[in-house]
Amino acid sequence: MPAKPKPRRHVILPGRKTPLPFSDAVLAGDTLYLAGRIGVDPETGMAPASLDEELRRLFHGFTAVLAEEPMTMNDLVGVQVFSPDISLWERFNSAYVKRFARDPPARAFIGSGPLLRQERFERMGIAVRRS
């Protein structure tokens, strides 16, 4: 008889103020599906003026959601990044490579239309718990 699948767990970050109908992530078995996330400044609700600050907030959002399961950036197997300005790829990439000890996940950097709140990046990801 096949093993009964584990129930799904919906991750909502503690203290999240966004009342929108989505989970920050959904855990199905050992796979965590991370929702799209932007690097918004919680004080203004908009993109920080500094690109470096936006990137810091974007990656902090990744690590905060992963930590709820507990996972790390090294558990990521796939990442999608959306940006309305593909000329920012090099700036994004230099911040991105600093986040992985080794074996970075598969990734797509996708040119998009405008993003919410004038953000320059939005990312989604899939992580698999390492045994």
C-alpha atoms as a PDB file:
ATOM      1  CA  MET A   1       0.000   0.000   0.000  1.00  0.00           C
ATOM      2  CA  PRO A   2       1.461   3.432  -0.948  1.00  0.00           C
ATOM      3  CA  ALA A   3       2.416   5.786   1.871  1.00  0.00           C
ATOM      4  CA  LYS A   4      -0.154   8.408   2.727  1.00  0.00           C
ATOM      5  CA  PRO A   5       1.017  11.813   1.421  1.00  0.00           C
ATOM      6  CA  LYS A   6       1.993  14.389   4.009  1.00  0.00           C
ATOM      7  CA  PRO A   7      -0.537  17.197   4.390  1.00  0.00           C
ATOM      8  CA  ARG A   8       0.334  20.514   2.807  1.00  0.00           C
ATOM      9  CA  ARG A   9       1.458  23.277   5.093  1.00  0.00           C
ATOM     10  CA  HIS A  10       0.824  26.912   4.212  1.00  0.00           C
ATOM     11  CA  VAL A  11       3.520  29.267   5.466  1.00  0.00           C
ATOM     12  CA  ILE A  12       2.517  32.779   6.489  1.00  0.00           C
ATOM     13  CA  LEU A  13       5.384  34.807   7.938  1.00  0.00           C
ATOM     14  CA  PRO A  14       4.778  35.937  11.516  1.00  0.00           C
ATOM     15  CA  GLY A  15       3.874  39.601  11.659  1.00  0.00           C
ATOM     16  CA  ARG A  16       2.965  39.821   7.959  1.00  0.00           C
ATOM     17  CA  LYS A  17       0.743  42.859   7.490  1.00  0.00           C
ATOM     18  CA  THR A  18      -0.318  42.126   3.915  1.00  0.00           C
ATOM     19  CA  PRO A  19      -3.954  40.965   4.051  1.00  0.00           C
ATOM     20  CA  LEU A  20      -3.834  39.611   0.486  1.00  0.00           C
ATOM     21  CA  PRO A  21      -5.045  36.058  -0.174  1.00  0.00           C
ATOM     22  CA  PHE A  22      -1.772  34.191  -0.667  1.00  0.00           C
ATOM     23  CA  SER A  23       0.668  32.126   1.355  1.00  0.00           C
ATOM     24  CA  ASP A  24       4.322  33.129   1.555  1.00  0.00           C
ATOM     25  CA  ALA A  25       5.053  29.496   0.685  1.00  0.00           C
ATOM     26  CA  VAL A  26       3.410  26.087   0.543  1.00  0.00           C
ATOM     27  CA  LEU A  27       5.194  22.951   1.736  1.00  0.00           C
ATOM     28  CA  ALA A  28       4.117  19.795  -0.121  1.00  0.00           C
ATOM     29  CA  GLY A  29       6.109  16.804   1.100  1.00  0.00           C
ATOM     30  CA  ASP A  30       9.738  17.936   1.188  1.00  0.00           C
ATOM     31  CA  THR A  31       9.213  20.592  -1.497  1.00  0.00           C
ATOM     32  CA  LEU A  32       8.631  24.231  -0.577  1.00  0.00           C
ATOM     33  CA  TYR A  33       7.063  26.508  -3.195  1.00  0.00           C
ATOM     34  CA  LEU A  34       7.925  30.137  -2.424  1.00  0.00           C
ATOM     35  CA  ALA A  35       5.471  32.802  -3.566  1.00  0.00           C
ATOM     36  CA  GLY A  36       6.503  35.815  -5.577  1.00  0.00           C
ATOM     37  CA  ARG A  37       8.176  38.360  -3.318  1.00  0.00           C
ATOM     38  CA  ILE A  38       9.353  41.917  -3.815  1.00  0.00           C
ATOM     39  CA  GLY A  39      11.846  43.973  -1.792  1.00  0.00           C
ATOM     40  CA  VAL A  40       9.347  46.544  -0.572  1.00  0.00           C
ATOM     41  CA  ASP A  41      10.197  49.004   2.193  1.00  0.00           C
ATOM     42  CA  PRO A  42       7.668  48.214   4.956  1.00  0.00           C
ATOM     43  CA  GLU A  43       7.661  51.842   6.131  1.00  0.00           C
ATOM     44  CA  THR A  44       6.612  53.334   2.788  1.00  0.00           C
ATOM     45  CA  GLY A  45       5.071  50.327   1.039  1.00  0.00           C
ATOM     46  CA  MET A  46       7.175  51.168  -2.023  1.00  0.00           C
ATOM     47  CA  ALA A  47      10.503  50.150  -3.537  1.00  0.00           C
ATOM     48  CA  PRO A  48      13.443  51.586  -1.596  1.00  0.00           C
ATOM     49  CA  ALA A  49      15.270  54.366  -3.442  1.00  0.00           C
ATOM     50  CA  SER A  50      18.483  52.351  -3.216  1.00  0.00           C
ATOM     51  CA  LEU A  51      18.810  49.354  -5.527  1.00  0.00           C
ATOM     52  CA  ASP A  52      21.160  47.704  -3.014  1.00  0.00           C
ATOM     53  CA  GLU A  53      18.545  48.078  -0.248  1.00  0.00           C
ATOM     54  CA  GLU A  54      15.850  46.604  -2.482  1.00  0.00           C
ATOM     55  CA  LEU A  55      18.078  43.599  -3.219  1.00  0.00           C
ATOM     56  CA  ARG A  56      18.892  43.186   0.487  1.00  0.00           C
ATOM     57  CA  ARG A  57      15.188  43.150   1.338  1.00  0.00           C
ATOM     58  CA  LEU A  58      14.423  40.776  -1.545  1.00  0.00           C
ATOM     59  CA  PHE A  59      16.976  38.202  -0.344  1.00  0.00           C
ATOM     60  CA  HIS A  60      16.013  38.687   3.292  1.00  0.00           C
ATOM     61  CA  GLY A  61      12.455  37.778   2.282  1.00  0.00           C
ATOM     62  CA  PHE A  62      13.739  34.549   0.714  1.00  0.00           C
ATOM     63  CA  THR A  63      15.714  33.541   3.794  1.00  0.00           C
ATOM     64  CA  ALA A  64      12.881  34.442   6.188  1.00  0.00           C
ATOM     65  CA  VAL A  65      10.411  32.182   4.374  1.00  0.00           C
ATOM     66  CA  LEU A  66      12.929  29.339   4.030  1.00  0.00           C
ATOM     67  CA  ALA A  67      13.770  29.549   7.747  1.00  0.00           C
ATOM     68  CA  GLU A  68      10.144  28.786   8.639  1.00  0.00           C
ATOM     69  CA  GLU A  69      10.612  25.170   7.470  1.00  0.00           C
ATOM     70  CA  PRO A  70      13.735  25.222   8.397  1.00  0.00           C
ATOM     71  CA  MET A  71      15.632  25.494   5.135  1.00  0.00           C
ATOM     72  CA  THR A  72      18.370  27.726   3.739  1.00  0.00           C
ATOM     73  CA  MET A  73      19.271  29.253   0.386  1.00  0.00           C
ATOM     74  CA  ASN A  74      21.231  26.065  -0.324  1.00  0.00           C
ATOM     75  CA  ASP A  75      17.942  24.104  -0.373  1.00  0.00           C
ATOM     76  CA  LEU A  76      16.710  26.105  -3.374  1.00  0.00           C
ATOM     77  CA  VAL A  77      16.570  24.093  -6.599  1.00  0.00           C
ATOM     78  CA  GLY A  78      14.906  26.671  -8.847  1.00  0.00           C
ATOM     79  CA  VAL A  79      14.484  30.452  -8.870  1.00  0.00           C
ATOM     80  CA  GLN A  80      12.617  32.749 -11.232  1.00  0.00           C
ATOM     81  CA  VAL A  81      13.386  36.455 -11.183  1.00  0.00           C
ATOM     82  CA  PHE A  82      11.241  39.024 -12.987  1.00  0.00           C
ATOM     83  CA  SER A  83      12.468  42.521 -13.832  1.00  0.00           C
ATOM     84  CA  PRO A  84      11.022  45.247 -16.031  1.00  0.00           C
ATOM     85  CA  ASP A  85      14.594  46.441 -16.704  1.00  0.00           C
ATOM     86  CA  ILE A  86      16.867  43.643 -17.941  1.00  0.00           C
ATOM     87  CA  SER A  87      19.816  46.023 -17.900  1.00  0.00           C
ATOM     88  CA  LEU A  88      19.809  45.410 -14.108  1.00  0.00           C
ATOM     89  CA  TRP A  89      20.809  41.756 -14.627  1.00  0.00           C
ATOM     90  CA  GLU A  90      24.476  42.319 -13.741  1.00  0.00           C
ATOM     91  CA  ARG A  91      23.613  44.219 -10.531  1.00  0.00           C
ATOM     92  CA  PHE A  92      21.155  41.492  -9.537  1.00  0.00           C
ATOM     93  CA  ASN A  93      23.591  38.724 -10.438  1.00  0.00           C
ATOM     94  CA  SER A  94      26.444  40.145  -8.360  1.00  0.00           C
ATOM     95  CA  ALA A  95      24.154  40.240  -5.296  1.00  0.00           C
ATOM     96  CA  TYR A  96      22.724  36.785  -6.098  1.00  0.00           C
ATOM     97  CA  VAL A  97      26.024  34.882  -6.336  1.00  0.00           C
ATOM     98  CA  LYS A  98      27.001  36.029  -2.823  1.00  0.00           C
ATOM     99  CA  ARG A  99      24.022  34.119  -1.373  1.00  0.00           C
ATOM    100  CA  PHE A 100      25.172  30.576  -2.230  1.00  0.00           C
ATOM    101  CA  ALA A 101      27.984  28.571  -0.632  1.00  0.00           C
ATOM    102  CA  ARG A 102      28.065  26.233  -3.638  1.00  0.00           C
ATOM    103  CA  ASP A 103      25.859  24.668  -6.294  1.00  0.00           C
ATOM    104  CA  PRO A 104      23.447  27.542  -7.021  1.00  0.00           C
ATOM    105  CA  PRO A 105      19.921  26.600  -8.091  1.00  0.00           C
ATOM    106  CA  ALA A 106      18.645  26.634 -11.659  1.00  0.00           C
ATOM    107  CA  ARG A 107      17.519  30.167 -12.448  1.00  0.00           C
ATOM    108  CA  ALA A 108      15.681  32.272 -14.968  1.00  0.00           C
ATOM    109  CA  PHE A 109      15.957  36.065 -15.190  1.00  0.00           C
ATOM    110  CA  ILE A 110      12.871  37.198 -17.080  1.00  0.00           C
ATOM    111  CA  GLY A 111      12.145  40.598 -18.579  1.00  0.00           C
ATOM    112  CA  SER A 112       8.659  41.629 -17.489  1.00  0.00           C
ATOM    113  CA  GLY A 113       6.235  44.477 -17.606  1.00  0.00           C
ATOM    114  CA  PRO A 114       5.929  46.846 -14.632  1.00  0.00           C
ATOM    115  CA  LEU A 115       5.978  45.226 -11.191  1.00  0.00           C
ATOM    116  CA  LEU A 116       3.894  46.084  -8.152  1.00  0.00           C
ATOM    117  CA  ARG A 117       4.869  49.209  -6.218  1.00  0.00           C
ATOM    118  CA  GLN A 118       7.494  50.225  -8.792  1.00  0.00           C
ATOM    119  CA  GLU A 119       9.781  47.371  -7.737  1.00  0.00           C
ATOM    120  CA  ARG A 120      12.734  46.448  -9.916  1.00  0.00           C
ATOM    121  CA  PHE A 121      12.645  42.711  -9.093  1.00  0.00           C
ATOM    122  CA  GLU A 122      10.225  39.992  -8.069  1.00  0.00           C
ATOM    123  CA  ARG A 123      11.324  36.445  -7.368  1.00  0.00           C
ATOM    124  CA  MET A 124       9.745  33.032  -6.884  1.00  0.00           C
ATOM    125  CA  GLY A 125      11.471  29.826  -5.873  1.00  0.00           C
ATOM    126  CA  ILE A 126      11.276  26.111  -5.213  1.00  0.00           C
ATOM    127  CA  ALA A 127      13.287  24.467  -2.442  1.00  0.00           C
ATOM    128  CA  VAL A 128      13.646  20.785  -1.590  1.00  0.00           C
ATOM    129  CA  ARG A 129      14.599  19.751   1.922  1.00  0.00           C
ATOM    130  CA  ARG A 130      17.979  18.005   1.901  1.00  0.00           C
ATOM    131  CA  SER A 131      18.038  14.625   3.579  1.00  0.00           C
END
